[in-house]
């Protein structure tokens, strides 16, 4: 079944995680770049209308653009990931989308909380162990990945490969606006 998802692409992370994702994360081969998921699964792409896009835009407009760092390795049982700091804006966007579209809880309602993360390895605990060890070494050698969240992509997989369907641009944070005198 075709689905869609909201994701923050993180191209700045590709040099650190790209090769590991190709080894340990099957979504990489399906066209999904390094990203932090905001909401998955979302509706069948064929059901996404201009009205749905407007509801999503309104929900996402609550969060202004922000900078974040990926400097900590995290684990789920079969997943190794980089955790964004701060995590709060990602959680805010997820909760705003869930409020606008309550029929689409994060990860189909499988988890009790929202944990923003950039998956690097997913599927096997041993692979996740290897990826986590390598990520720790890479972070120690090169430091955190720094990035900015200025947009959220609505991606879909109706052809078997993931592709952008729509991009929502976040408003600039007030602290970045020039002062008016």
Protein backbone atom coordinates (compact mmCIF):
# COMPACT_ATOMS: atom_id res chain seq x y z
CA UNK A 1 0.00 0.00 0.00
CA UNK A 2 1.30 3.44 -0.89
CA UNK A 3 1.93 5.77 2.02
CA UNK A 4 3.41 9.17 2.60
CA UNK A 5 5.52 10.63 5.40
CA UNK A 6 6.74 13.98 6.69
CA UNK A 7 10.53 14.17 7.01
CA UNK A 8 13.29 16.68 7.64
CA UNK A 9 16.09 15.90 5.23
CA UNK A 10 19.58 16.30 6.69
CA UNK A 11 22.07 16.47 3.81
CA UNK A 12 24.78 17.67 6.22
CA UNK A 13 24.71 14.18 7.79
CA UNK A 14 25.32 12.29 4.54
CA UNK A 15 29.17 12.39 4.77
CA UNK A 16 29.01 10.80 8.23
CA UNK A 17 26.16 8.32 7.72
CA UNK A 18 25.67 7.71 3.99
CA UNK A 19 27.85 4.62 3.69
CA UNK A 20 26.46 3.13 6.91
CA UNK A 21 22.88 3.73 5.78
CA UNK A 22 23.62 2.01 2.47
CA UNK A 23 24.89 -1.02 4.43
CA UNK A 24 22.33 -1.13 7.22
CA UNK A 25 19.15 0.78 6.27
CA UNK A 26 17.07 -0.60 3.39
CA UNK A 27 15.22 2.71 2.91
CA UNK A 28 18.44 4.19 1.55
CA UNK A 29 18.12 2.01 -1.57
CA UNK A 30 14.52 3.19 -1.95
CA UNK A 31 15.55 6.82 -2.34
CA UNK A 32 15.25 8.00 1.27
CA UNK A 33 18.12 10.33 2.18
CA UNK A 34 19.43 10.93 5.69
CA UNK A 35 16.43 12.38 7.50
CA UNK A 36 14.55 12.81 10.75
CA UNK A 37 11.00 11.53 10.47
CA UNK A 38 8.31 13.91 11.68
CA UNK A 39 5.32 11.65 10.96
CA UNK A 40 4.97 8.23 9.36
CA UNK A 41 2.81 6.63 8.15
CA UNK A 42 0.67 9.33 6.62
CA UNK A 43 -2.15 8.90 4.14
CA UNK A 44 -2.16 7.29 0.72
CA UNK A 45 -0.68 9.87 -1.67
CA UNK A 46 -3.76 9.59 -3.91
CA UNK A 47 -5.84 11.05 -1.07
CA UNK A 48 -3.65 14.12 -0.55
CA UNK A 49 -5.60 17.14 -1.77
CA UNK A 50 -4.86 20.87 -1.66
CA UNK A 51 -7.02 20.98 1.48
CA UNK A 52 -4.86 18.30 3.15
CA UNK A 53 -1.72 20.23 2.21
CA UNK A 54 -3.19 23.41 3.69
CA UNK A 55 -4.04 21.67 6.99
CA UNK A 56 -0.48 20.34 7.12
CA UNK A 57 0.95 23.77 6.32
CA UNK A 58 -1.06 25.33 9.13
CA UNK A 59 0.08 22.67 11.60
CA UNK A 60 3.73 23.01 10.62
CA UNK A 61 3.60 26.82 10.64
CA UNK A 62 3.55 26.75 14.46
CA UNK A 63 7.25 25.86 14.52
CA UNK A 64 9.78 28.37 13.20
CA UNK A 65 13.01 27.30 11.53
CA UNK A 66 15.73 26.18 13.93
CA UNK A 67 19.27 24.87 14.11
CA UNK A 68 20.15 21.51 15.60
CA UNK A 69 23.09 19.20 16.16
CA UNK A 70 23.48 15.46 15.81
CA UNK A 71 26.05 14.56 18.45
CA UNK A 72 24.70 11.54 20.32
CA UNK A 73 24.26 7.93 19.25
CA UNK A 74 21.02 6.31 20.36
CA UNK A 75 19.63 2.79 20.18
CA UNK A 76 16.33 1.02 19.84
CA UNK A 77 16.52 -2.80 19.93
CA UNK A 78 17.18 -3.16 16.17
CA UNK A 79 18.07 0.43 15.29
CA UNK A 80 21.08 2.71 15.70
CA UNK A 81 20.49 6.42 15.24
CA UNK A 82 21.78 9.92 15.77
CA UNK A 83 19.66 11.97 18.17
CA UNK A 84 19.00 15.64 17.35
CA UNK A 85 19.52 18.34 19.95
CA UNK A 86 17.25 20.11 20.57
CA UNK A 87 14.59 17.43 20.08
CA UNK A 88 11.66 19.61 21.18
CA UNK A 89 10.95 21.31 17.81
CA UNK A 90 10.73 17.93 16.06
CA UNK A 91 8.32 16.69 18.72
CA UNK A 92 6.27 19.91 18.40
CA UNK A 93 5.89 19.40 14.65
CA UNK A 94 4.88 15.77 15.13
CA UNK A 95 2.28 16.66 17.76
CA UNK A 96 0.91 19.51 15.62
CA UNK A 97 0.45 17.14 12.66
CA UNK A 98 -1.19 14.52 14.90
CA UNK A 99 -3.56 17.20 16.20
CA UNK A 100 -4.46 18.14 12.62
CA UNK A 101 -4.65 14.49 11.48
CA UNK A 102 -5.51 12.36 14.54
CA UNK A 103 -6.18 9.32 12.37
CA UNK A 104 -2.41 9.12 11.68
CA UNK A 105 -0.53 8.60 14.96
CA UNK A 106 3.27 8.40 14.76
CA UNK A 107 4.51 4.96 13.71
CA UNK A 108 0.91 3.76 13.60
CA UNK A 109 0.60 4.14 17.37
CA UNK A 110 3.25 1.47 18.09
CA UNK A 111 5.18 3.63 20.59
CA UNK A 112 4.14 5.60 23.68
CA UNK A 113 6.38 8.58 23.00
CA UNK A 114 7.97 10.49 20.16
CA UNK A 115 11.76 10.10 19.94
CA UNK A 116 13.21 12.18 17.10
CA UNK A 117 16.07 10.36 15.43
CA UNK A 118 18.07 9.96 12.24
CA UNK A 119 18.13 6.20 11.60
CA UNK A 120 21.46 4.84 10.43
CA UNK A 121 20.91 1.10 10.86
CA UNK A 122 17.56 -0.65 11.10
CA UNK A 123 16.51 -4.27 11.08
CA UNK A 124 19.08 -6.37 12.93
CA UNK A 125 20.50 -5.84 16.42
CA UNK A 126 24.02 -6.92 15.37
CA UNK A 127 24.03 -4.43 12.50
CA UNK A 128 22.77 -1.72 14.83
CA UNK A 129 25.59 -2.57 17.28
CA UNK A 130 28.21 -2.27 14.52
CA UNK A 131 26.74 0.98 13.21
CA UNK A 132 26.50 2.48 16.71
CA UNK A 133 30.16 1.69 17.42
CA UNK A 134 31.23 3.23 14.11
CA UNK A 135 29.06 6.31 14.68
CA UNK A 136 30.64 6.88 18.10
CA UNK A 137 34.10 6.68 16.53
CA UNK A 138 33.15 9.08 13.76
CA UNK A 139 31.61 11.59 16.18
CA UNK A 140 34.75 11.42 18.35
CA UNK A 141 36.92 12.07 15.30
CA UNK A 142 34.93 14.80 13.55
CA UNK A 143 32.47 16.19 16.08
CA UNK A 144 28.76 16.80 15.78
CA UNK A 145 26.85 17.29 12.57
CA UNK A 146 25.29 20.76 12.56
CA UNK A 147 22.21 21.48 10.46
CA UNK A 148 19.18 23.70 10.17
CA UNK A 149 15.56 22.74 9.79
CA UNK A 150 14.03 25.21 7.36
CA UNK A 151 11.64 22.86 5.58
CA UNK A 152 9.75 19.61 5.90
CA UNK A 153 9.28 17.30 2.93
CA UNK A 154 6.13 15.30 2.38
CA UNK A 155 7.47 12.19 0.67
CA UNK A 156 5.58 9.27 -0.87
CA UNK A 157 6.31 5.78 -2.15
CA UNK A 158 3.51 4.98 -4.64
CA UNK A 159 6.05 3.71 -7.21
CA UNK A 160 8.12 1.67 -4.75
CA UNK A 161 10.73 4.44 -4.55
CA UNK A 162 10.34 7.40 -2.21
CA UNK A 163 10.11 10.85 -3.78
CA UNK A 164 9.17 14.38 -2.73
CA UNK A 165 5.51 15.18 -3.09
CA UNK A 166 5.48 18.61 -1.45
CA UNK A 167 7.85 20.80 0.57
CA UNK A 168 6.68 22.98 3.46
CA UNK A 169 8.94 25.93 4.27
CA UNK A 170 9.15 27.00 7.89
CA UNK A 171 8.96 30.65 8.78
CA UNK A 172 12.15 32.29 9.95
CA UNK A 173 12.59 32.38 13.69
CA UNK A 174 12.08 35.80 15.26
CA UNK A 175 15.67 35.81 16.50
CA UNK A 176 16.83 35.72 12.87
CA UNK A 177 14.65 38.62 11.74
CA UNK A 178 16.28 42.02 11.38
CA UNK A 179 15.23 44.50 14.04
CA UNK A 180 12.99 47.35 12.94
CA UNK A 181 13.83 50.77 14.34
